[in-house]
Amino acid sequence: MPETTGTDDAVDRIIARDEAHSNSRVFGTAQALQDTSTVYDDGQQWDLEDRHSLRRVVGLSTELEDITEVEYRQVRMENVVLVGVYRAGTLEDAENSLQELAALAETAGSVVLDGVLQRRPNPDPATYIGRGKAEELKQIVDSVGADTVIADTELAPSQRRALEDVIKVKVIDRTAVILDIFAQHAKTREGKAQVELAQLEYLLPRLRGWGDSMSRQAGGQVGAAGAGMGSRGPGETKIELDRRRIRDRMAMLRRQIRSFAPARDAKRAERSRNKIPSVAIAGYTNAGKSSLLNRLTNAGVLVENALFATLDSTVRRTETADGRVFTLADTVGFVRNLPHQLVEAFRSTLEEVASADLIVHVVDGSHPDPAGQIQTVRDVLGEVEARAIPEIIVFNKMDLVSDDDRLVLAGLAPKAVFVSSRTGEGIAELRRIVEDALPVPDEEITALVPYSRGDLISQIHEEGQFLEQRHEAGGTFVHARVHARLAAELRSYPA
């Protein structure tokens, strides 16, 4: 049974909305998303203006497309109150999680008014926080004028309905918010298909009917319902028909996502055939992965101080100081309690990480729980079978971190690199460490390449590593490390 030692013990109010700051955000993490002092010029942002050209209007709801004719949970991000459950001794983790939920809600376009945490051994199977605390939550919702409650976990359909019956406003969960953000940010055909597949997987067990009006089994006596002969349906209820339509749509989306694989595999095979090393930038959402990619390659990809700004992987070619070519890939960020259906839907995108030669694991050094971020990312990497790939931990945003906190971070990952995409601190050191960690071609060879075979010199630049190069009367003398296929060609021109 939950503890009931009074409101202060049972419900820890972690938010206090100050009248003098009525226009500010309530959560520190959420406020950082709105703070213009944390936004800085990060090169040419090709997509940022386009994304900002259409913004949500506070107080007006934005709803997902109604793909069925039954009642389902339409996500309406308006004025929200957050609610979570924690066990004794886990209050700090619960507060960090609720602060992150506030940032998620703001990214989705809502205004966070308040947040509460309920202490109990386990969530109530009926109403998530218990009937009595649900009544207290209703009073909070009424007092602040909220129209949506967001739970900091994935609710069972029965829990959501029971909580709505008490609170009398829309209730959604963390998963619905993340899906809504993904739906807003998906841009490519593959990204949109992956998001829709995840949405349908989430929606399928949550379909609700409206009683007799949903039935296609008319049957019975003519006088009973004005039906009779000619009105008897095939026996499939309306909700069963909707479920079948959703399953058919999901099957079509899976086929569509598989159809994108050959083009991506062809590009990956081309890089593999040419022995071009690949580096994947992975990490928690909003850790600064895209900013880091722009710093390292001047890629010009979208950077926004928001969660899940990047959903579509971006691959850019760059060179080491000695001329070797390698690729850097920006990938979708992770978050704690990332819905399983999203991991499955985005598995094809995450293959970019699984096929990399090196993972640059970016961590937000200014986050209150960097250790939790690291563990979350490693858990997801394990799901896509990428844990065996060499990893470099990079603590980003160090311009926001004090000297004492730097010592704490160094204790978490002694070999980590400290960088700031904003100021450029540590970028040169990171590039050197990445270059040293790249696989080196396995064969060392000398050759005198005729001037008519400049293509071989270009291949050495792209695939190999020059140890010495000079121009002579008979051609270009090269001493280099190359892969076996290129070495076989170079042996035709002995020095």
Protein backbone atom coordinates (compact mmCIF):
# COMPACT_ATOMS: atom_id res chain seq x y z
CA MET A 1 0.00 0.00 0.00
CA PRO A 2 1.27 3.53 -0.71
CA GLU A 3 2.36 5.72 2.15
CA THR A 4 -0.27 8.25 3.23
CA THR A 5 1.55 10.40 5.75
CA GLY A 6 0.14 13.60 4.30
CA THR A 7 0.35 15.55 1.13
CA ASP A 8 3.93 16.72 1.73
CA ASP A 9 5.16 13.13 2.16
CA ALA A 10 3.06 11.49 -0.54
CA VAL A 11 3.24 14.16 -3.20
CA ASP A 12 6.53 16.04 -3.52
CA ARG A 13 5.90 19.26 -5.37
CA ILE A 14 9.10 19.76 -7.34
CA ILE A 15 7.74 22.81 -9.15
CA ALA A 16 6.68 26.11 -7.60
CA ARG A 17 5.25 28.56 -10.12
CA ASP A 18 6.34 31.98 -8.87
CA GLU A 19 3.90 34.77 -9.64
CA ALA A 20 6.82 37.11 -10.24
CA HIS A 21 8.12 34.78 -12.96
CA SER A 22 4.86 33.79 -14.56
CA ASN A 23 6.30 34.09 -18.04
CA SER A 24 9.27 31.80 -17.42
CA ARG A 25 9.50 28.01 -17.78
CA VAL A 26 9.22 25.92 -14.65
CA PHE A 27 11.94 23.35 -15.14
CA GLY A 28 15.61 24.26 -15.36
CA THR A 29 16.21 21.77 -18.16
CA ALA A 30 13.18 22.98 -20.04
CA GLN A 31 14.16 26.61 -19.62
CA ALA A 32 17.53 25.88 -21.20
CA LEU A 33 15.72 25.04 -24.41
CA GLN A 34 14.28 28.54 -24.51
CA ASP A 35 17.33 30.45 -23.27
CA THR A 36 18.78 32.41 -26.19
CA SER A 37 22.12 32.66 -24.40
CA THR A 38 22.69 28.97 -25.06
CA VAL A 39 22.12 29.37 -28.81
CA TYR A 40 25.11 30.25 -30.93
CA ASP A 41 26.16 30.45 -34.54
CA ASP A 42 27.11 26.96 -35.68
CA GLY A 43 27.76 27.48 -39.36
CA GLN A 44 25.24 27.49 -42.14
CA GLN A 45 22.00 25.94 -40.88
CA TRP A 46 20.29 24.91 -44.09
CA ASP A 47 17.11 23.56 -42.50
CA LEU A 48 16.72 25.67 -39.38
CA GLU A 49 14.82 28.56 -40.97
CA ASP A 50 12.48 26.13 -42.68
CA ARG A 51 11.72 24.35 -39.41
CA HIS A 52 11.06 27.61 -37.60
CA SER A 53 8.79 28.93 -40.35
CA LEU A 54 5.88 26.92 -38.94
CA ARG A 55 5.49 27.02 -35.16
CA ARG A 56 2.76 25.94 -32.79
CA VAL A 57 0.50 28.56 -31.27
CA VAL A 58 0.07 28.37 -27.51
CA GLY A 59 -3.51 27.44 -26.60
CA LEU A 60 -4.32 25.87 -29.94
CA SER A 61 -4.06 22.11 -30.18
CA THR A 62 -2.17 20.17 -32.82
CA GLU A 63 -3.48 16.65 -33.31
CA LEU A 64 -2.06 13.65 -35.07
CA GLU A 65 -3.80 12.52 -38.26
CA ASP A 66 -6.91 10.44 -37.52
CA ILE A 67 -6.23 7.26 -39.45
CA THR A 68 -9.21 5.38 -38.02
CA GLU A 69 -12.84 6.12 -37.28
CA VAL A 70 -12.66 5.03 -33.64
CA GLU A 71 -11.77 7.11 -30.63
CA TYR A 72 -8.03 7.01 -29.98
CA ARG A 73 -5.61 9.02 -27.95
CA GLN A 74 -4.98 12.14 -30.01
CA VAL A 75 -1.94 13.95 -28.67
CA ARG A 76 -2.82 17.57 -27.94
CA MET A 77 0.11 19.51 -26.59
CA GLU A 78 -1.26 22.52 -24.72
CA ASN A 79 -0.97 23.54 -21.04
CA VAL A 80 0.31 20.49 -19.21
CA VAL A 81 0.96 19.12 -15.73
CA LEU A 82 3.51 16.34 -15.31
CA VAL A 83 3.18 13.40 -12.93
CA GLY A 84 5.59 10.63 -11.97
CA VAL A 85 6.00 7.81 -9.44
CA TYR A 86 9.17 7.02 -7.51
CA ARG A 87 10.27 4.56 -4.85
CA ALA A 88 12.02 5.52 -1.61
CA GLY A 89 15.62 6.51 -2.26
CA THR A 90 15.13 7.35 -5.94
CA LEU A 91 13.83 10.92 -5.62
CA GLU A 92 16.83 12.53 -7.37
CA ASP A 93 16.56 10.21 -10.38
CA ALA A 94 12.81 10.81 -10.53
CA GLU A 95 13.29 14.58 -10.49
CA ASN A 96 15.86 14.38 -13.31
CA SER A 97 13.48 12.22 -15.30
CA LEU A 98 10.60 14.64 -14.77
CA GLN A 99 12.80 17.59 -15.77
CA GLU A 100 13.65 15.73 -18.96
CA LEU A 101 9.95 15.08 -19.56
CA ALA A 102 9.39 18.84 -19.22
CA ALA A 103 11.99 19.46 -21.94
CA LEU A 104 10.32 16.82 -24.11
CA ALA A 105 6.92 18.45 -23.60
CA GLU A 106 8.27 21.89 -24.50
CA THR A 107 9.99 20.52 -27.59
CA ALA A 108 6.63 19.08 -28.63
CA GLY A 109 5.11 22.57 -28.33
CA SER A 110 3.38 22.65 -24.96
CA VAL A 111 3.64 24.89 -21.90
CA VAL A 112 4.57 23.10 -18.67
CA LEU A 113 2.65 24.55 -15.72
CA ASP A 114 3.42 22.18 -12.87
CA GLY A 115 4.77 18.77 -11.93
CA VAL A 116 4.20 16.30 -9.10
CA LEU A 117 5.89 13.12 -7.90
CA GLN A 118 4.04 10.38 -6.00
CA ARG A 119 6.09 8.17 -3.66
CA ARG A 120 4.89 4.57 -3.56
CA PRO A 121 6.53 1.12 -3.88
CA ASN A 122 4.95 0.47 -7.28
CA PRO A 123 2.61 2.36 -9.63
CA ASP A 124 -1.05 1.73 -8.87
CA PRO A 125 -2.35 -0.82 -11.44
CA ALA A 126 -5.67 1.02 -11.65
CA THR A 127 -4.91 4.78 -11.72
CA TYR A 128 -1.06 4.86 -11.74
CA ILE A 129 -0.83 7.13 -8.65
CA GLY A 130 -3.76 5.84 -6.59
CA ARG A 131 -7.35 7.06 -6.41
CA GLY A 132 -6.81 9.53 -3.57
CA LYS A 133 -3.74 11.12 -5.15
CA ALA A 134 -5.56 11.27 -8.47
CA GLU A 135 -8.16 13.46 -6.75
CA GLU A 136 -5.37 15.71 -5.43
CA LEU A 137 -3.90 15.86 -8.92
CA LYS A 138 -7.31 16.93 -10.23
CA GLN A 139 -7.26 19.89 -7.83
CA ILE A 140 -3.79 20.89 -9.05
CA VAL A 141 -4.90 20.63 -12.68
CA ASP A 142 -7.97 22.75 -11.98
CA SER A 143 -5.98 25.37 -10.07
CA VAL A 144 -3.38 25.96 -12.81
CA GLY A 145 -5.82 25.62 -15.70
CA ALA A 146 -4.13 22.68 -17.42
CA ASP A 147 -5.84 20.70 -20.15
CA THR A 148 -3.39 17.77 -20.42
CA VAL A 149 -1.60 15.52 -17.93
CA ILE A 150 1.57 13.70 -18.99
CA ALA A 151 2.75 10.63 -17.06
CA ASP A 152 6.48 9.98 -16.85
CA THR A 153 6.19 6.36 -17.98
CA GLU A 154 4.23 4.33 -20.50
CA LEU A 155 0.70 3.89 -19.14
CA ALA A 156 -1.43 0.83 -19.71
CA PRO A 157 -4.63 1.68 -21.62
CA SER A 158 -6.71 0.90 -18.51
CA GLN A 159 -4.56 3.19 -16.31
CA ARG A 160 -4.95 6.08 -18.72
CA ARG A 161 -8.73 5.68 -18.96
CA ALA A 162 -9.11 5.39 -15.18
CA LEU A 163 -6.94 8.47 -14.59
CA GLU A 164 -8.92 10.45 -17.17
CA ASP A 165 -12.17 9.48 -15.49
CA VAL A 166 -10.93 11.07 -12.26
CA ILE A 167 -9.05 14.12 -13.56
CA LYS A 168 -11.49 14.94 -16.40
CA VAL A 169 -8.73 16.11 -18.79
CA LYS A 170 -6.67 14.40 -21.45
CA VAL A 171 -4.02 12.00 -20.11
CA ILE A 172 -1.07 10.88 -22.23
CA ASP A 173 2.29 9.30 -21.40
CA ARG A 174 5.98 9.83 -22.09
CA THR A 175 5.92 7.55 -25.13
CA ALA A 176 3.13 9.58 -26.78
CA VAL A 177 5.17 12.78 -26.34
CA ILE A 178 8.29 11.26 -27.90
CA LEU A 179 6.25 9.92 -30.82
CA ASP A 180 4.72 13.37 -31.31
CA ILE A 181 8.17 14.99 -31.47
CA PHE A 182 9.36 12.40 -33.96
CA ALA A 183 6.26 13.00 -36.08
CA GLN A 184 7.02 16.74 -36.18
CA HIS A 185 10.72 16.38 -37.01
CA ALA A 186 10.74 13.52 -39.53
CA LYS A 187 11.69 14.92 -42.93
CA THR A 188 12.77 12.17 -45.32
CA ARG A 189 10.46 9.48 -46.71
CA GLU A 190 12.23 6.84 -44.66
CA GLY A 191 12.07 8.90 -41.47
CA LYS A 192 8.35 9.53 -41.92
CA ALA A 193 7.68 5.84 -42.60
CA GLN A 194 9.65 4.82 -39.51
CA VAL A 195 7.75 7.27 -37.30
CA GLU A 196 4.35 6.21 -38.65
CA LEU A 197 5.20 2.56 -38.04
CA ALA A 198 6.13 3.33 -34.43
CA GLN A 199 2.93 5.35 -33.98
CA LEU A 200 0.75 2.53 -35.28
CA GLU A 201 2.49 -0.03 -33.05
CA TYR A 202 1.73 2.26 -30.09
CA LEU A 203 -1.84 2.88 -31.22
CA LEU A 204 -2.89 -0.70 -31.95
CA PRO A 205 -3.44 -1.94 -28.36
CA ARG A 206 -5.05 1.39 -27.40
CA LEU A 207 -8.00 1.40 -29.77
CA ARG A 208 -11.35 1.95 -28.08
CA GLY A 209 -14.86 1.32 -29.34
CA TRP A 210 -18.08 3.15 -28.57
CA GLY A 211 -20.17 0.15 -27.53
CA ASP A 212 -22.98 -1.07 -29.75
CA SER A 213 -22.43 1.67 -32.32
CA MET A 214 -19.13 0.05 -33.26
CA SER A 215 -20.64 -3.36 -34.05
CA ARG A 216 -21.06 -4.69 -37.56
CA GLN A 217 -22.93 -7.76 -36.25
CA ALA A 218 -26.44 -6.43 -36.81
CA GLY A 219 -28.38 -9.75 -36.82
CA GLY A 220 -31.25 -10.47 -34.44
CA GLN A 221 -34.98 -9.71 -34.67
CA VAL A 222 -36.29 -7.10 -37.06
CA GLY A 223 -38.26 -5.36 -34.36
CA ALA A 224 -35.40 -5.26 -31.92
CA ALA A 225 -33.15 -2.86 -33.79
CA GLY A 226 -34.91 -2.12 -37.05
CA ALA A 227 -32.61 -4.53 -38.85
CA GLY A 228 -33.06 -8.12 -39.97
CA MET A 229 -32.57 -9.87 -43.30
CA GLY A 230 -30.00 -8.21 -45.48
CA SER A 231 -28.45 -6.35 -42.57
CA ARG A 232 -26.40 -9.12 -41.00
CA GLY A 233 -22.72 -8.27 -41.37
CA PRO A 234 -19.83 -10.68 -41.85
CA GLY A 235 -19.33 -10.89 -38.09
CA GLU A 236 -16.42 -8.44 -37.89
CA THR A 237 -16.88 -5.60 -35.42
CA LYS A 238 -15.84 -2.10 -36.35
CA ILE A 239 -12.89 -2.10 -33.94
CA GLU A 240 -11.70 -5.43 -35.39
CA LEU A 241 -11.89 -3.90 -38.86
CA ASP A 242 -9.79 -0.93 -37.70
CA ARG A 243 -7.23 -3.25 -36.15
CA ARG A 244 -6.97 -5.16 -39.41
CA ARG A 245 -6.55 -1.94 -41.39
CA ILE A 246 -3.76 -0.83 -39.03
CA ARG A 247 -1.99 -4.19 -39.34
CA ASP A 248 -2.21 -3.97 -43.13
CA ARG A 249 -0.77 -0.45 -43.02
CA MET A 250 2.04 -1.59 -40.71
CA ALA A 251 2.91 -4.44 -43.09
CA MET A 252 3.04 -1.97 -46.00
CA LEU A 253 5.30 0.40 -44.02
CA ARG A 254 7.68 -2.43 -43.13
CA ARG A 255 7.95 -3.32 -46.81
CA GLN A 256 8.54 0.35 -47.67
CA ILE A 257 11.29 0.67 -45.04
CA ARG A 258 12.95 -2.49 -46.35
CA SER A 259 12.85 -1.01 -49.84
CA PHE A 260 15.11 1.84 -48.69
CA ALA A 261 17.78 -0.60 -47.55
CA PRO A 262 19.41 -1.42 -50.94
CA ALA A 263 20.42 2.20 -51.65
CA ARG A 264 21.86 2.63 -48.17
CA ASP A 265 23.59 -0.76 -48.36
CA ALA A 266 25.06 0.14 -51.76
CA LYS A 267 26.61 3.32 -50.34
CA ARG A 268 27.92 1.40 -47.35
CA ALA A 269 29.31 -1.34 -49.61
CA GLU A 270 31.06 1.28 -51.75
CA ARG A 271 32.77 2.69 -48.67
CA SER A 272 33.64 -0.81 -47.51
CA ARG A 273 35.04 -1.79 -50.92
CA ASN A 274 37.19 1.32 -50.96
CA LYS A 275 38.19 0.63 -47.36
CA ILE A 276 37.04 4.07 -46.22
CA PRO A 277 36.85 4.05 -42.39
CA SER A 278 33.57 5.19 -40.86
CA VAL A 279 32.99 7.02 -37.58
CA ALA A 280 29.50 7.24 -36.04
CA ILE A 281 28.59 10.10 -33.70
CA ALA A 282 26.14 8.67 -31.17
CA GLY A 283 24.79 9.90 -27.88
CA TYR A 284 21.91 11.23 -25.84
CA THR A 285 19.45 13.59 -27.44
CA ASN A 286 20.48 17.26 -27.33
CA ALA A 287 24.04 16.33 -26.32
CA GLY A 288 25.44 18.35 -29.24
CA LYS A 289 26.13 15.63 -31.84
CA SER A 290 25.14 17.74 -34.84
CA SER A 291 27.13 20.72 -33.52
CA LEU A 292 30.16 18.46 -33.20
CA LEU A 293 29.71 17.16 -36.75
CA ASN A 294 29.57 20.75 -38.03
CA ARG A 295 32.73 21.64 -36.09
CA LEU A 296 34.62 18.65 -37.48
CA THR A 297 33.41 18.75 -41.10
CA ASN A 298 31.56 22.05 -41.71
CA ALA A 299 28.61 19.85 -42.68
CA GLY A 300 25.96 22.57 -42.30
CA VAL A 301 23.42 20.15 -40.78
CA LEU A 302 20.54 21.46 -38.69
CA VAL A 303 21.40 22.33 -35.10
CA GLU A 304 18.61 23.31 -32.73
CA ASN A 305 18.47 23.56 -28.95
CA ALA A 306 15.68 20.99 -28.81
CA LEU A 307 15.32 17.30 -28.17
CA PHE A 308 15.39 15.00 -31.22
CA ALA A 309 16.25 17.79 -33.66
CA THR A 310 18.05 15.14 -35.74
CA LEU A 311 16.11 12.08 -36.94
CA ASP A 312 17.75 11.35 -40.29
CA SER A 313 21.37 10.26 -40.29
CA THR A 314 23.84 12.53 -42.12
CA VAL A 315 27.12 11.16 -43.50
CA ARG A 316 29.98 13.50 -44.40
CA ARG A 317 33.45 12.78 -45.81
CA THR A 318 36.50 14.39 -44.24
CA GLU A 319 40.26 13.86 -44.16
CA THR A 320 42.89 13.20 -41.55
CA ALA A 321 45.92 15.44 -41.23
CA ASP A 322 47.97 13.00 -43.37
CA GLY A 323 45.31 12.89 -46.11
CA ARG A 324 43.36 9.70 -45.29
CA VAL A 325 39.66 9.92 -46.08
CA PHE A 326 37.04 8.79 -43.56
CA THR A 327 33.34 9.40 -42.99
CA LEU A 328 31.49 10.90 -40.02
CA ALA A 329 27.83 10.00 -39.48
CA ASP A 330 25.39 11.99 -37.33
CA THR A 331 22.66 9.75 -35.89
CA VAL A 332 19.36 10.01 -34.02
CA GLY A 333 19.75 10.71 -30.31
CA PHE A 334 18.68 8.42 -27.49
CA VAL A 335 16.68 9.13 -24.36
CA ARG A 336 15.89 7.22 -21.18
CA ASN A 337 12.89 4.93 -21.53
CA LEU A 338 13.10 5.23 -25.32
CA PRO A 339 10.00 3.41 -26.60
CA HIS A 340 10.90 -0.05 -27.83
CA GLN A 341 8.82 0.42 -30.97
CA LEU A 342 10.99 3.42 -31.89
CA VAL A 343 14.17 1.38 -31.52
CA GLU A 344 12.68 -1.26 -33.80
CA ALA A 345 11.34 1.27 -36.33
CA PHE A 346 14.66 3.13 -36.50
CA ARG A 347 16.79 -0.02 -36.54
CA SER A 348 17.67 0.58 -40.20
CA THR A 349 18.92 4.08 -39.36
CA LEU A 350 20.86 2.79 -36.35
CA GLU A 351 22.64 0.30 -38.63
CA GLU A 352 24.91 3.24 -39.49
CA VAL A 353 26.20 2.97 -35.92
CA ALA A 354 26.43 -0.82 -35.94
CA SER A 355 28.55 -0.82 -39.13
CA ALA A 356 31.00 1.88 -37.99
CA ASP A 357 34.68 1.32 -37.26
CA LEU A 358 34.59 3.77 -34.36
CA ILE A 359 31.86 5.35 -32.20
CA VAL A 360 32.24 8.90 -30.88
CA HIS A 361 29.92 8.82 -27.88
CA VAL A 362 28.87 12.40 -27.13
CA VAL A 363 27.69 13.23 -23.59
CA ASP A 364 26.24 16.54 -22.37
CA GLY A 365 28.77 17.51 -19.70
CA SER A 366 26.38 20.11 -18.25
CA HIS A 367 23.55 17.59 -17.72
CA PRO A 368 22.70 16.78 -14.07
CA ASP A 369 22.98 13.02 -14.72
CA PRO A 370 25.76 12.32 -17.27
CA ALA A 371 26.28 8.80 -15.92
CA GLY A 372 22.63 8.01 -16.65
CA GLN A 373 23.06 9.37 -20.18
CA ILE A 374 26.08 7.15 -20.79
CA GLN A 375 24.29 4.03 -19.54
CA THR A 376 21.16 4.77 -21.59
CA VAL A 377 23.16 5.15 -24.80
CA ARG A 378 25.15 1.98 -24.13
CA ASP A 379 21.93 0.04 -23.53
CA VAL A 380 20.56 1.12 -26.93
CA LEU A 381 23.90 0.37 -28.61
CA GLY A 382 23.64 -3.10 -27.13
CA GLU A 383 20.20 -3.54 -28.70
CA VAL A 384 21.63 -2.86 -32.16
CA GLU A 385 24.69 -5.06 -31.47
CA ALA A 386 27.19 -2.19 -31.50
CA ARG A 387 28.76 -2.54 -28.04
CA ALA A 388 31.87 -4.31 -29.39
CA ILE A 389 32.84 -1.32 -31.57
CA PRO A 390 35.66 0.88 -30.15
CA GLU A 391 34.23 3.91 -28.33
CA ILE A 392 35.54 7.39 -27.53
CA ILE A 393 33.63 9.23 -24.78
CA VAL A 394 33.35 12.97 -25.51
CA PHE A 395 31.98 15.35 -22.88
CA ASN A 396 30.50 18.29 -24.80
CA LYS A 397 29.32 21.77 -23.66
CA MET A 398 32.30 22.15 -21.35
CA ASP A 399 31.96 25.94 -21.54
CA LEU A 400 28.98 25.46 -19.20
CA VAL A 401 30.81 23.19 -16.71
CA SER A 402 32.68 24.29 -13.58
CA ASP A 403 36.15 23.02 -12.63
CA ASP A 404 34.72 20.89 -9.80
CA ASP A 405 32.25 19.24 -12.16
CA ARG A 406 35.08 18.54 -14.60
CA LEU A 407 36.75 16.44 -11.90
CA VAL A 408 33.53 14.48 -11.43
CA LEU A 409 33.26 13.86 -15.18
CA ALA A 410 36.89 12.76 -15.33
CA GLY A 411 36.08 10.18 -12.67
CA LEU A 412 33.19 8.83 -14.77
CA ALA A 413 35.37 8.31 -17.85
CA PRO A 414 39.10 8.81 -17.25
CA LYS A 415 39.99 8.60 -20.97
CA ALA A 416 37.23 10.97 -22.08
CA VAL A 417 37.84 14.05 -24.21
CA PHE A 418 36.48 17.43 -23.01
CA VAL A 419 35.21 19.65 -25.83
CA SER A 420 32.95 22.60 -26.48
CA SER A 421 31.31 22.84 -29.89
CA ARG A 422 30.50 26.43 -29.00
CA THR A 423 34.02 27.69 -28.25
CA GLY A 424 36.08 25.10 -30.11
CA GLU A 425 37.78 23.87 -26.93
CA GLY A 426 39.22 20.36 -27.36
CA ILE A 427 38.14 19.96 -31.01
CA ALA A 428 41.73 19.66 -32.31
CA GLU A 429 42.56 17.08 -29.61
CA LEU A 430 39.40 15.11 -30.44
CA ARG A 431 40.26 15.08 -34.14
CA ARG A 432 43.77 13.80 -33.34
CA ILE A 433 42.40 11.03 -31.09
CA VAL A 434 39.85 9.99 -33.72
CA GLU A 435 42.52 9.91 -36.44
CA ASP A 436 44.82 7.78 -34.25
CA ALA A 437 41.97 5.34 -33.55
CA LEU A 438 41.07 4.82 -37.21
CA PRO A 439 42.11 1.48 -38.71
CA VAL A 440 45.41 1.68 -40.61
CA PRO A 441 45.86 -0.02 -44.03
CA ASP A 442 47.53 -3.38 -43.59
CA GLU A 443 50.20 -3.47 -46.37
CA GLU A 444 53.30 -1.28 -46.67
CA ILE A 445 54.60 -0.85 -50.20
CA THR A 446 56.96 1.25 -52.35
CA ALA A 447 56.30 1.99 -56.01
CA LEU A 448 57.24 4.32 -58.86
CA VAL A 449 53.87 5.30 -60.31
CA PRO A 450 53.93 6.66 -63.89
CA TYR A 451 52.54 10.15 -64.31
CA SER A 452 49.88 8.65 -66.60
CA ARG A 453 48.46 6.73 -63.59
CA GLY A 454 47.42 9.67 -61.47
CA ASP A 455 44.31 7.66 -60.56
CA LEU A 456 46.46 5.38 -58.39
CA ILE A 457 47.87 8.39 -56.53
CA SER A 458 44.29 9.57 -55.92
CA GLN A 459 43.32 6.13 -54.58
CA ILE A 460 46.25 6.18 -52.17
CA HIS A 461 45.06 9.59 -50.94
CA GLU A 462 41.53 8.25 -50.38
CA GLU A 463 42.20 4.74 -49.10
CA GLY A 464 45.78 4.65 -47.85
CA GLN A 465 48.39 6.50 -45.85
CA PHE A 466 51.39 8.19 -47.45
CA LEU A 467 54.68 7.65 -45.64
CA GLU A 468 56.79 9.34 -48.35
CA GLN A 469 56.10 10.90 -51.75
CA ARG A 470 58.40 12.61 -54.24
CA HIS A 471 58.42 13.35 -57.94
CA GLU A 472 61.13 11.77 -60.09
CA ALA A 473 61.89 11.65 -63.81
CA GLY A 474 60.12 8.34 -64.35
CA GLY A 475 57.09 9.06 -62.21
CA THR A 476 55.94 9.59 -58.63
CA PHE A 477 57.81 7.64 -55.98
CA VAL A 478 55.47 6.57 -53.18
CA HIS A 479 56.06 4.81 -49.91
CA ALA A 480 52.64 4.14 -48.41
CA ARG A 481 50.38 1.85 -46.45
CA VAL A 482 47.46 0.59 -48.53
CA HIS A 483 44.91 -2.22 -48.58
CA ALA A 484 45.51 -5.49 -50.39
CA ARG A 485 43.52 -4.70 -53.54
CA LEU A 486 45.39 -1.45 -54.21
CA ALA A 487 48.73 -3.03 -53.22
CA ALA A 488 48.28 -5.61 -55.98
CA GLU A 489 47.99 -2.85 -58.58
CA LEU A 490 50.93 -0.87 -57.23
CA ARG A 491 53.23 -3.92 -57.43
CA SER A 492 53.04 -3.57 -61.23
CA TYR A 493 55.23 -0.44 -60.84
CA PRO A 494 58.21 -1.41 -58.68
CA ALA A 495 60.40 1.39 -57.42
